[in-house]
Amino acid sequence: MATRPKSPPRLVALLRGINVGGKHKLPMEELRRIATQLGWRDAATVIQTGNLLFTADVDELAAAKTLERALAEEFGFAVPVVVRRLDALRRDLAECPFAEARTERPSLLHAGWSRAKLPKTLAADLAPYAKGGERIAVVGHCVWIDFVGGVARSKVTSAVLDRLVEGTVTLRNSKTFAAILAGDAGE
């Protein structure tokens, strides 16, 4: 009995720092066009802040680097990209240690990913920056931050995260995370 070839995985590219505060404008239709030019299939974007769903037979690191190069060539600025398998993102959400925050304050609960391995000590290393009841947990490849008092006032900043992880960390709030997963509900 012949085995059926395995279908390529559904992937999610999480772009950091685009279309925020009027800087680094990157239209989503252009992002989809670039993904298609790279040979990726079923490219779809969710929300204007750089969330690209696509199907490709390529590993996450190679996809991230390829997309970064293509975006730099096309737009003239660097865009850090983290790529995760969609099934891994679903697991990350299922393993959220602050599940009640997903319904109570979804815009304040953030999940973060990096291409760099998250240090086992990351939650403890971030603890001195956490104020006003903020909670931090690392579960697998995901750092969860419950910004109870608001993101703008927090000392747990992108710069602090990047320094402690020794790589770029990109965050998505729970509402965006849910929209990404809902955007591919037909998978």
N, C-alpha and C. Protein backbone atom coordinates (compact mmCIF):
# COMPACT_ATOMS: atom_id res chain seq x y z
N MET A 1 0.84 -1.17 0.00
CA MET A 1 0.00 0.00 0.00
C MET A 1 0.90 1.24 0.00
N ALA A 2 0.70 2.11 -0.96
CA ALA A 2 1.53 3.32 -1.09
C ALA A 2 1.11 4.35 -0.05
N THR A 3 2.11 5.03 0.50
CA THR A 3 1.81 6.09 1.46
C THR A 3 1.59 7.38 0.71
N ARG A 4 0.64 8.13 1.19
CA ARG A 4 0.35 9.43 0.58
C ARG A 4 1.40 10.43 0.99
N PRO A 5 1.84 11.27 0.04
CA PRO A 5 2.82 12.29 0.43
C PRO A 5 2.22 13.23 1.48
N LYS A 6 3.07 13.59 2.41
CA LYS A 6 2.65 14.50 3.48
C LYS A 6 2.42 15.89 2.89
N SER A 7 1.30 16.51 3.25
CA SER A 7 1.02 17.85 2.73
C SER A 7 1.85 18.87 3.50
N PRO A 8 2.25 19.94 2.82
CA PRO A 8 3.07 20.97 3.48
C PRO A 8 2.30 21.61 4.64
N PRO A 9 3.03 22.05 5.64
CA PRO A 9 2.37 22.63 6.81
C PRO A 9 1.82 24.03 6.54
N ARG A 10 0.86 24.41 7.33
CA ARG A 10 0.35 25.78 7.35
C ARG A 10 1.23 26.53 8.33
N LEU A 11 1.76 27.66 7.89
CA LEU A 11 2.70 28.44 8.69
C LEU A 11 2.15 29.83 8.95
N VAL A 12 2.67 30.48 9.99
CA VAL A 12 2.30 31.84 10.32
C VAL A 12 3.58 32.66 10.47
N ALA A 13 3.70 33.71 9.66
CA ALA A 13 4.82 34.65 9.81
C ALA A 13 4.32 35.83 10.64
N LEU A 14 5.05 36.11 11.71
CA LEU A 14 4.73 37.21 12.62
C LEU A 14 5.79 38.30 12.41
N LEU A 15 5.39 39.39 11.78
CA LEU A 15 6.31 40.48 11.49
C LEU A 15 6.29 41.46 12.65
N ARG A 16 7.43 42.00 12.97
CA ARG A 16 7.50 42.93 14.11
C ARG A 16 7.69 44.36 13.62
N GLY A 17 6.91 45.26 14.19
CA GLY A 17 7.14 46.69 14.04
C GLY A 17 6.70 47.31 12.73
N ILE A 18 5.70 46.75 12.07
CA ILE A 18 5.22 47.39 10.85
C ILE A 18 3.84 47.99 11.08
N ASN A 19 3.56 49.06 10.32
CA ASN A 19 2.26 49.74 10.35
C ASN A 19 1.84 50.16 11.75
N VAL A 20 2.83 50.49 12.58
CA VAL A 20 2.55 50.94 13.94
C VAL A 20 3.09 52.36 14.08
N GLY A 21 2.25 53.28 14.50
CA GLY A 21 2.69 54.65 14.70
C GLY A 21 3.16 55.35 13.43
N GLY A 22 2.64 54.95 12.30
CA GLY A 22 2.98 55.60 11.04
C GLY A 22 4.35 55.24 10.48
N LYS A 23 5.05 54.32 11.13
CA LYS A 23 6.38 53.93 10.66
C LYS A 23 6.32 52.58 9.96
N HIS A 24 7.29 52.39 9.08
CA HIS A 24 7.45 51.12 8.36
C HIS A 24 6.13 50.62 7.77
N LYS A 25 5.61 51.43 6.86
CA LYS A 25 4.37 51.09 6.17
C LYS A 25 4.59 49.88 5.26
N LEU A 26 3.75 48.90 5.42
CA LEU A 26 3.82 47.69 4.61
C LEU A 26 2.39 47.22 4.35
N PRO A 27 1.86 47.53 3.18
CA PRO A 27 0.49 47.12 2.87
C PRO A 27 0.36 45.59 2.85
N MET A 28 -0.73 45.10 3.40
CA MET A 28 -0.93 43.65 3.51
C MET A 28 -1.07 43.00 2.13
N GLU A 29 -1.64 43.72 1.16
CA GLU A 29 -1.73 43.13 -0.18
C GLU A 29 -0.33 42.93 -0.77
N GLU A 30 0.62 43.79 -0.42
CA GLU A 30 2.00 43.62 -0.87
C GLU A 30 2.66 42.43 -0.17
N LEU A 31 2.34 42.25 1.08
CA LEU A 31 2.88 41.10 1.83
C LEU A 31 2.37 39.80 1.20
N ARG A 32 1.09 39.76 0.87
CA ARG A 32 0.54 38.56 0.22
C ARG A 32 1.18 38.34 -1.15
N ARG A 33 1.40 39.42 -1.90
CA ARG A 33 2.03 39.32 -3.22
C ARG A 33 3.44 38.75 -3.10
N ILE A 34 4.21 39.24 -2.15
CA ILE A 34 5.58 38.76 -1.95
C ILE A 34 5.57 37.28 -1.57
N ALA A 35 4.65 36.90 -0.69
CA ALA A 35 4.56 35.49 -0.29
C ALA A 35 4.27 34.61 -1.50
N THR A 36 3.39 35.07 -2.35
CA THR A 36 3.07 34.31 -3.56
C THR A 36 4.27 34.22 -4.49
N GLN A 37 5.01 35.32 -4.62
CA GLN A 37 6.22 35.32 -5.46
C GLN A 37 7.28 34.37 -4.91
N LEU A 38 7.27 34.16 -3.62
CA LEU A 38 8.22 33.22 -3.00
C LEU A 38 7.80 31.77 -3.21
N GLY A 39 6.65 31.58 -3.82
CA GLY A 39 6.17 30.23 -4.08
C GLY A 39 5.31 29.66 -2.97
N TRP A 40 4.96 30.50 -2.01
CA TRP A 40 4.11 30.05 -0.91
C TRP A 40 2.66 30.11 -1.37
N ARG A 41 1.86 29.18 -0.89
CA ARG A 41 0.47 29.08 -1.34
C ARG A 41 -0.49 29.56 -0.26
N ASP A 42 -1.69 29.89 -0.73
CA ASP A 42 -2.80 30.23 0.17
C ASP A 42 -2.43 31.35 1.14
N ALA A 43 -1.71 32.36 0.64
CA ALA A 43 -1.28 33.46 1.50
C ALA A 43 -2.49 34.31 1.92
N ALA A 44 -2.58 34.55 3.21
CA ALA A 44 -3.65 35.37 3.77
C ALA A 44 -3.06 36.20 4.90
N THR A 45 -3.57 37.42 5.05
CA THR A 45 -3.10 38.26 6.15
C THR A 45 -4.24 38.49 7.14
N VAL A 46 -3.85 38.70 8.39
CA VAL A 46 -4.82 38.94 9.45
C VAL A 46 -4.37 40.20 10.19
N ILE A 47 -5.23 41.18 10.22
CA ILE A 47 -4.95 42.47 10.86
C ILE A 47 -3.77 43.15 10.15
N GLN A 48 -3.65 44.43 10.28
CA GLN A 48 -2.67 45.22 9.52
C GLN A 48 -1.26 45.23 10.12
N THR A 49 -1.05 44.51 11.21
CA THR A 49 0.25 44.58 11.88
C THR A 49 1.19 43.45 11.52
N GLY A 50 0.92 42.76 10.42
CA GLY A 50 1.88 41.80 9.91
C GLY A 50 1.74 40.39 10.43
N ASN A 51 0.66 39.76 10.08
CA ASN A 51 0.42 38.36 10.42
C ASN A 51 0.05 37.66 9.12
N LEU A 52 0.96 36.84 8.63
CA LEU A 52 0.79 36.19 7.33
C LEU A 52 0.64 34.69 7.51
N LEU A 53 -0.47 34.16 7.04
CA LEU A 53 -0.70 32.72 7.02
C LEU A 53 -0.36 32.23 5.62
N PHE A 54 0.33 31.10 5.52
CA PHE A 54 0.66 30.55 4.21
C PHE A 54 0.99 29.07 4.33
N THR A 55 1.03 28.41 3.19
CA THR A 55 1.36 27.00 3.13
C THR A 55 2.64 26.87 2.31
N ALA A 56 3.62 26.17 2.86
CA ALA A 56 4.88 25.97 2.14
C ALA A 56 5.63 24.80 2.75
N ASP A 57 6.37 24.15 1.91
CA ASP A 57 7.20 23.03 2.36
C ASP A 57 8.60 23.57 2.66
N VAL A 58 8.70 24.36 3.72
CA VAL A 58 9.95 25.00 4.11
C VAL A 58 9.96 25.08 5.63
N ASP A 59 11.14 24.99 6.23
CA ASP A 59 11.16 25.08 7.69
C ASP A 59 11.00 26.54 8.13
N GLU A 60 10.64 26.70 9.39
CA GLU A 60 10.31 28.02 9.91
C GLU A 60 11.47 29.01 9.80
N LEU A 61 12.67 28.61 10.16
CA LEU A 61 13.81 29.53 10.11
C LEU A 61 14.11 29.97 8.69
N ALA A 62 14.10 29.04 7.75
CA ALA A 62 14.36 29.38 6.35
C ALA A 62 13.28 30.33 5.83
N ALA A 63 12.02 30.08 6.18
CA ALA A 63 10.93 30.96 5.74
C ALA A 63 11.11 32.36 6.31
N ALA A 64 11.46 32.47 7.60
CA ALA A 64 11.65 33.78 8.22
C ALA A 64 12.77 34.56 7.54
N LYS A 65 13.89 33.92 7.31
CA LYS A 65 15.03 34.60 6.68
C LYS A 65 14.71 34.99 5.24
N THR A 66 14.03 34.12 4.51
CA THR A 66 13.66 34.42 3.13
C THR A 66 12.73 35.62 3.07
N LEU A 67 11.72 35.65 3.95
CA LEU A 67 10.78 36.76 3.97
C LEU A 67 11.47 38.05 4.39
N GLU A 68 12.34 38.00 5.37
CA GLU A 68 13.08 39.20 5.79
C GLU A 68 13.87 39.80 4.62
N ARG A 69 14.57 38.93 3.88
CA ARG A 69 15.35 39.41 2.71
C ARG A 69 14.44 40.05 1.66
N ALA A 70 13.35 39.38 1.36
CA ALA A 70 12.42 39.89 0.34
C ALA A 70 11.83 41.24 0.76
N LEU A 71 11.46 41.38 2.02
CA LEU A 71 10.89 42.63 2.51
C LEU A 71 11.92 43.76 2.50
N ALA A 72 13.15 43.46 2.88
CA ALA A 72 14.21 44.48 2.87
C ALA A 72 14.46 44.96 1.44
N GLU A 73 14.49 44.03 0.49
CA GLU A 73 14.71 44.40 -0.91
C GLU A 73 13.55 45.24 -1.44
N GLU A 74 12.35 44.87 -1.10
CA GLU A 74 11.15 45.54 -1.62
C GLU A 74 10.90 46.90 -0.96
N PHE A 75 11.10 47.00 0.35
CA PHE A 75 10.70 48.20 1.08
C PHE A 75 11.86 49.03 1.62
N GLY A 76 13.06 48.48 1.62
CA GLY A 76 14.22 49.26 2.04
C GLY A 76 14.40 49.39 3.54
N PHE A 77 13.72 48.60 4.32
CA PHE A 77 13.94 48.60 5.77
C PHE A 77 13.84 47.17 6.30
N ALA A 78 14.51 46.94 7.42
CA ALA A 78 14.54 45.61 8.01
C ALA A 78 13.25 45.34 8.78
N VAL A 79 12.72 44.15 8.61
CA VAL A 79 11.53 43.71 9.33
C VAL A 79 11.85 42.36 9.97
N PRO A 80 11.99 42.33 11.29
CA PRO A 80 12.21 41.04 11.95
C PRO A 80 10.98 40.14 11.79
N VAL A 81 11.22 38.87 11.49
CA VAL A 81 10.14 37.92 11.25
C VAL A 81 10.38 36.65 12.07
N VAL A 82 9.34 36.18 12.71
CA VAL A 82 9.34 34.89 13.38
C VAL A 82 8.27 34.06 12.67
N VAL A 83 8.61 32.84 12.29
CA VAL A 83 7.64 31.95 11.65
C VAL A 83 7.41 30.74 12.56
N ARG A 84 6.13 30.42 12.74
CA ARG A 84 5.73 29.26 13.55
C ARG A 84 4.73 28.44 12.75
N ARG A 85 4.72 27.17 13.01
CA ARG A 85 3.69 26.31 12.42
C ARG A 85 2.36 26.66 13.08
N LEU A 86 1.30 26.64 12.28
CA LEU A 86 -0.02 26.96 12.81
C LEU A 86 -0.42 25.99 13.92
N ASP A 87 -0.10 24.71 13.76
CA ASP A 87 -0.45 23.75 14.81
C ASP A 87 0.30 24.05 16.10
N ALA A 88 1.52 24.58 16.02
CA ALA A 88 2.28 24.96 17.22
C ALA A 88 1.63 26.17 17.89
N LEU A 89 1.14 27.13 17.09
CA LEU A 89 0.44 28.28 17.68
C LEU A 89 -0.82 27.83 18.41
N ARG A 90 -1.53 26.88 17.83
CA ARG A 90 -2.73 26.36 18.49
C ARG A 90 -2.37 25.73 19.84
N ARG A 91 -1.26 24.98 19.87
CA ARG A 91 -0.79 24.38 21.14
C ARG A 91 -0.41 25.48 22.13
N ASP A 92 0.28 26.51 21.64
CA ASP A 92 0.68 27.61 22.53
C ASP A 92 -0.55 28.21 23.21
N LEU A 93 -1.59 28.46 22.43
CA LEU A 93 -2.80 29.05 23.00
C LEU A 93 -3.44 28.10 24.01
N ALA A 94 -3.46 26.83 23.68
CA ALA A 94 -4.05 25.84 24.59
C ALA A 94 -3.29 25.76 25.91
N GLU A 95 -1.99 26.06 25.87
CA GLU A 95 -1.15 25.98 27.07
C GLU A 95 -1.01 27.31 27.81
N CYS A 96 -1.81 28.29 27.44
CA CYS A 96 -1.75 29.61 28.08
C CYS A 96 -1.93 29.47 29.59
N PRO A 97 -0.96 29.94 30.38
CA PRO A 97 -1.06 29.79 31.83
C PRO A 97 -1.99 30.82 32.49
N PHE A 98 -2.43 31.81 31.72
CA PHE A 98 -3.29 32.87 32.27
C PHE A 98 -4.62 32.88 31.52
N ALA A 99 -5.26 31.74 31.45
CA ALA A 99 -6.47 31.57 30.63
C ALA A 99 -7.56 32.58 30.98
N GLU A 100 -7.72 32.91 32.24
CA GLU A 100 -8.78 33.85 32.61
C GLU A 100 -8.54 35.23 32.01
N ALA A 101 -7.29 35.60 31.80
CA ALA A 101 -6.98 36.91 31.21
C ALA A 101 -7.41 36.98 29.75
N ARG A 102 -7.51 35.82 29.08
CA ARG A 102 -7.96 35.81 27.69
C ARG A 102 -9.36 36.36 27.56
N THR A 103 -10.20 36.15 28.56
CA THR A 103 -11.56 36.69 28.49
C THR A 103 -11.71 37.99 29.26
N GLU A 104 -10.97 38.15 30.35
CA GLU A 104 -11.10 39.33 31.19
C GLU A 104 -10.41 40.56 30.61
N ARG A 105 -9.26 40.37 29.97
CA ARG A 105 -8.50 41.50 29.42
C ARG A 105 -7.65 41.04 28.22
N PRO A 106 -8.31 40.63 27.14
CA PRO A 106 -7.59 40.05 25.99
C PRO A 106 -6.61 41.00 25.31
N SER A 107 -6.83 42.31 25.42
CA SER A 107 -5.87 43.23 24.79
C SER A 107 -4.62 43.43 25.64
N LEU A 108 -4.66 42.96 26.90
CA LEU A 108 -3.51 43.13 27.80
C LEU A 108 -2.70 41.84 27.98
N LEU A 109 -3.26 40.72 27.57
CA LEU A 109 -2.54 39.45 27.64
C LEU A 109 -1.79 39.25 26.33
N HIS A 110 -0.47 39.12 26.41
CA HIS A 110 0.36 38.98 25.21
C HIS A 110 1.13 37.66 25.22
N ALA A 111 1.30 37.13 24.01
CA ALA A 111 2.16 35.97 23.79
C ALA A 111 3.32 36.46 22.93
N GLY A 112 4.52 35.94 23.20
CA GLY A 112 5.69 36.37 22.44
C GLY A 112 6.52 35.20 21.98
N TRP A 113 7.11 35.36 20.79
CA TRP A 113 7.95 34.31 20.21
C TRP A 113 9.23 34.94 19.69
N SER A 114 10.25 34.12 19.62
CA SER A 114 11.54 34.53 19.10
C SER A 114 12.14 33.38 18.31
N ARG A 115 13.01 33.72 17.37
CA ARG A 115 13.76 32.66 16.70
C ARG A 115 14.85 32.14 17.62
N ALA A 116 15.30 32.97 18.54
CA ALA A 116 16.27 32.53 19.54
C ALA A 116 15.55 31.67 20.57
N LYS A 117 16.27 30.73 21.12
CA LYS A 117 15.68 29.88 22.16
C LYS A 117 15.40 30.73 23.40
N LEU A 118 14.22 30.59 23.95
CA LEU A 118 13.88 31.34 25.16
C LEU A 118 14.63 30.73 26.34
N PRO A 119 15.39 31.55 27.08
CA PRO A 119 16.13 31.02 28.23
C PRO A 119 15.17 30.45 29.28
N LYS A 120 15.57 29.37 29.91
CA LYS A 120 14.75 28.77 30.97
C LYS A 120 14.53 29.75 32.12
N THR A 121 15.45 30.70 32.26
CA THR A 121 15.37 31.67 33.35
C THR A 121 14.62 32.95 32.97
N LEU A 122 14.03 32.99 31.76
CA LEU A 122 13.44 34.24 31.27
C LEU A 122 12.39 34.82 32.21
N ALA A 123 11.47 34.01 32.70
CA ALA A 123 10.43 34.54 33.59
C ALA A 123 11.05 35.15 34.84
N ALA A 124 12.03 34.47 35.42
CA ALA A 124 12.71 35.00 36.62
C ALA A 124 13.50 36.26 36.27
N ASP A 125 14.14 36.26 35.08
CA ASP A 125 14.92 37.43 34.67
C ASP A 125 14.03 38.65 34.42
N LEU A 126 12.79 38.41 34.01
CA LEU A 126 11.86 39.52 33.75
C LEU A 126 11.14 39.98 35.02
N ALA A 127 11.14 39.17 36.05
CA ALA A 127 10.40 39.47 37.29
C ALA A 127 10.72 40.85 37.86
N PRO A 128 11.99 41.30 37.90
CA PRO A 128 12.25 42.62 38.46
C PRO A 128 11.61 43.77 37.66
N TYR A 129 11.27 43.53 36.41
CA TYR A 129 10.65 44.56 35.57
C TYR A 129 9.13 44.55 35.71
N ALA A 130 8.57 43.45 36.18
CA ALA A 130 7.12 43.31 36.30
C ALA A 130 6.62 44.14 37.48
N LYS A 131 5.65 44.99 37.21
CA LYS A 131 5.09 45.88 38.24
C LYS A 131 3.57 45.79 38.22
N GLY A 132 2.97 46.19 39.30
CA GLY A 132 1.51 46.32 39.35
C GLY A 132 0.74 45.05 39.06
N GLY A 133 1.25 43.92 39.51
CA GLY A 133 0.54 42.66 39.31
C GLY A 133 0.79 41.97 37.98
N GLU A 134 1.71 42.50 37.19
CA GLU A 134 2.03 41.84 35.92
C GLU A 134 2.53 40.43 36.18
N ARG A 135 2.11 39.52 35.30
CA ARG A 135 2.51 38.12 35.44
C ARG A 135 3.24 37.69 34.17
N ILE A 136 4.25 36.85 34.34
CA ILE A 136 5.07 36.38 33.22
C ILE A 136 5.28 34.88 33.39
N ALA A 137 5.15 34.17 32.28
CA ALA A 137 5.42 32.73 32.29
C ALA A 137 5.99 32.33 30.94
N VAL A 138 6.87 31.36 30.96
CA VAL A 138 7.39 30.79 29.72
C VAL A 138 6.89 29.36 29.64
N VAL A 139 6.21 29.07 28.55
CA VAL A 139 5.67 27.72 28.31
C VAL A 139 6.15 27.30 26.93
N GLY A 140 7.06 26.36 26.89
CA GLY A 140 7.60 25.90 25.61
C GLY A 140 8.35 27.01 24.89
N HIS A 141 7.91 27.33 23.68
CA HIS A 141 8.56 28.35 22.85
C HIS A 141 7.88 29.71 22.97
N CYS A 142 7.03 29.87 23.96
CA CYS A 142 6.20 31.08 24.06
C CYS A 142 6.38 31.73 25.43
N VAL A 143 6.53 33.06 25.42
CA VAL A 143 6.53 33.81 26.67
C VAL A 143 5.17 34.49 26.78
N TRP A 144 4.53 34.33 27.90
CA TRP A 144 3.23 34.94 28.16
C TRP A 144 3.41 36.09 29.14
N ILE A 145 2.82 37.23 28.81
CA ILE A 145 2.90 38.40 29.69
C ILE A 145 1.49 38.94 29.87
N ASP A 146 1.06 39.03 31.11
CA ASP A 146 -0.23 39.61 31.45
C ASP A 146 0.04 41.04 31.93
N PHE A 147 -0.13 41.99 31.02
CA PHE A 147 0.12 43.41 31.31
C PHE A 147 -1.10 44.00 32.02
N VAL A 148 -1.31 43.60 33.25
CA VAL A 148 -2.51 43.96 34.00
C VAL A 148 -2.79 45.46 33.99
N GLY A 149 -1.78 46.29 34.17
CA GLY A 149 -1.98 47.74 34.23
C GLY A 149 -1.82 48.45 32.91
N GLY A 150 -1.62 47.71 31.84
CA GLY A 150 -1.46 48.32 30.52
C GLY A 150 -0.04 48.18 29.99
N VAL A 151 0.06 48.05 28.70
CA VAL A 151 1.35 47.84 28.05
C VAL A 151 2.20 49.11 28.09
N ALA A 152 1.60 50.26 27.88
CA ALA A 152 2.35 51.51 27.76
C ALA A 152 3.14 51.85 29.02
N ARG A 153 2.62 51.48 30.18
CA ARG A 153 3.29 51.80 31.45
C ARG A 153 4.27 50.74 31.91
N SER A 154 4.28 49.61 31.25
CA SER A 154 5.09 48.49 31.70
C SER A 154 6.58 48.71 31.49
N LYS A 155 7.36 48.13 32.37
CA LYS A 155 8.82 48.12 32.24
C LYS A 155 9.29 46.88 31.49
N VAL A 156 8.35 45.96 31.22
CA VAL A 156 8.65 44.77 30.42
C VAL A 156 8.49 45.20 28.95
N THR A 157 9.54 45.79 28.42
CA THR A 157 9.51 46.36 27.08
C THR A 157 10.13 45.41 26.06
N SER A 158 9.92 45.72 24.79
CA SER A 158 10.54 44.93 23.72
C SER A 158 12.05 44.95 23.85
N ALA A 159 12.62 46.09 24.21
CA ALA A 159 14.08 46.19 24.35
C ALA A 159 14.58 45.26 25.45
N VAL A 160 13.87 45.21 26.57
CA VAL A 160 14.26 44.32 27.67
C VAL A 160 14.13 42.86 27.24
N LEU A 161 13.02 42.53 26.61
CA LEU A 161 12.82 41.16 26.13
C LEU A 161 13.93 40.75 25.16
N ASP A 162 14.21 41.60 24.17
CA ASP A 162 15.23 41.29 23.17
C ASP A 162 16.60 41.07 23.82
N ARG A 163 16.92 41.91 24.79
CA ARG A 163 18.22 41.80 25.46
C ARG A 163 18.33 40.50 26.25
N LEU A 164 17.29 40.16 26.98
CA LEU A 164 17.33 38.95 27.80
C LEU A 164 17.27 37.67 26.97
N VAL A 165 16.60 37.72 25.84
CA VAL A 165 16.49 36.55 24.97
C VAL A 165 17.69 36.47 24.03
N GLU A 166 18.37 37.60 23.84
CA GLU A 166 19.48 37.71 22.89
C GLU A 166 18.99 37.44 21.47
N GLY A 167 17.84 38.02 21.17
CA GLY A 167 17.23 37.92 19.85
C GLY A 167 15.93 38.71 19.86
N THR A 168 15.36 38.92 18.70
CA THR A 168 14.12 39.67 18.58
C THR A 168 12.94 38.84 19.08
N VAL A 169 12.12 39.46 19.90
CA VAL A 169 10.88 38.85 20.38
C VAL A 169 9.73 39.65 19.76
N THR A 170 8.77 38.96 19.20
CA THR A 170 7.59 39.65 18.68
C THR A 170 6.38 39.22 19.50
N LEU A 171 5.58 40.19 19.89
CA LEU A 171 4.43 39.96 20.75
C LEU A 171 3.12 40.13 19.99
N ARG A 172 2.12 39.37 20.39
CA ARG A 172 0.76 39.54 19.89
C ARG A 172 -0.17 39.46 21.09
N ASN A 173 -1.14 40.40 21.14
CA ASN A 173 -2.09 40.29 22.24
C ASN A 173 -3.08 39.17 21.95
N SER A 174 -3.81 38.79 22.96
CA SER A 174 -4.70 37.64 22.87
C SER A 174 -5.77 37.83 21.80
N LYS A 175 -6.24 39.06 21.62
CA LYS A 175 -7.25 39.33 20.59
C LYS A 175 -6.67 39.06 19.21
N THR A 176 -5.45 39.52 18.96
CA THR A 176 -4.80 39.29 17.67
C THR A 176 -4.52 37.82 17.48
N PHE A 177 -4.02 37.17 18.52
CA PHE A 177 -3.73 35.74 18.48
C PHE A 177 -4.99 34.98 18.08
N ALA A 178 -6.11 35.29 18.70
CA ALA A 178 -7.38 34.62 18.38
C ALA A 178 -7.78 34.91 16.93
N ALA A 179 -7.56 36.14 16.47
CA ALA A 179 -7.91 36.49 15.08
C ALA A 179 -7.05 35.71 14.09
N ILE A 180 -5.78 35.50 14.41
CA ILE A 180 -4.92 34.71 13.54
C ILE A 180 -5.46 33.30 13.41
N LEU A 181 -5.78 32.69 14.55
CA LEU A 181 -6.30 31.32 14.52
C LEU A 181 -7.67 31.25 13.85
N ALA A 182 -8.52 32.25 14.08
CA ALA A 182 -9.84 32.28 13.44
C ALA A 182 -9.72 32.53 11.94
N GLY A 183 -8.69 33.29 11.56
CA GLY A 183 -8.47 33.58 10.14
C GLY A 183 -8.12 32.36 9.34
N ASP A 184 -7.76 31.30 10.00
CA ASP A 184 -7.44 30.06 9.32
C ASP A 184 -8.31 28.91 9.83
N ALA A 185 -9.50 29.26 10.26
CA ALA A 185 -10.40 28.25 10.84
C ALA A 185 -10.77 27.17 9.84
N GLY A 186 -10.68 27.48 8.57
CA GLY A 186 -11.03 26.50 7.55
C GLY A 186 -9.96 25.48 7.29
N GLU A 187 -8.85 25.55 7.99
CA GLU A 187 -7.73 24.64 7.74
C GLU A 187 -8.13 23.19 7.87
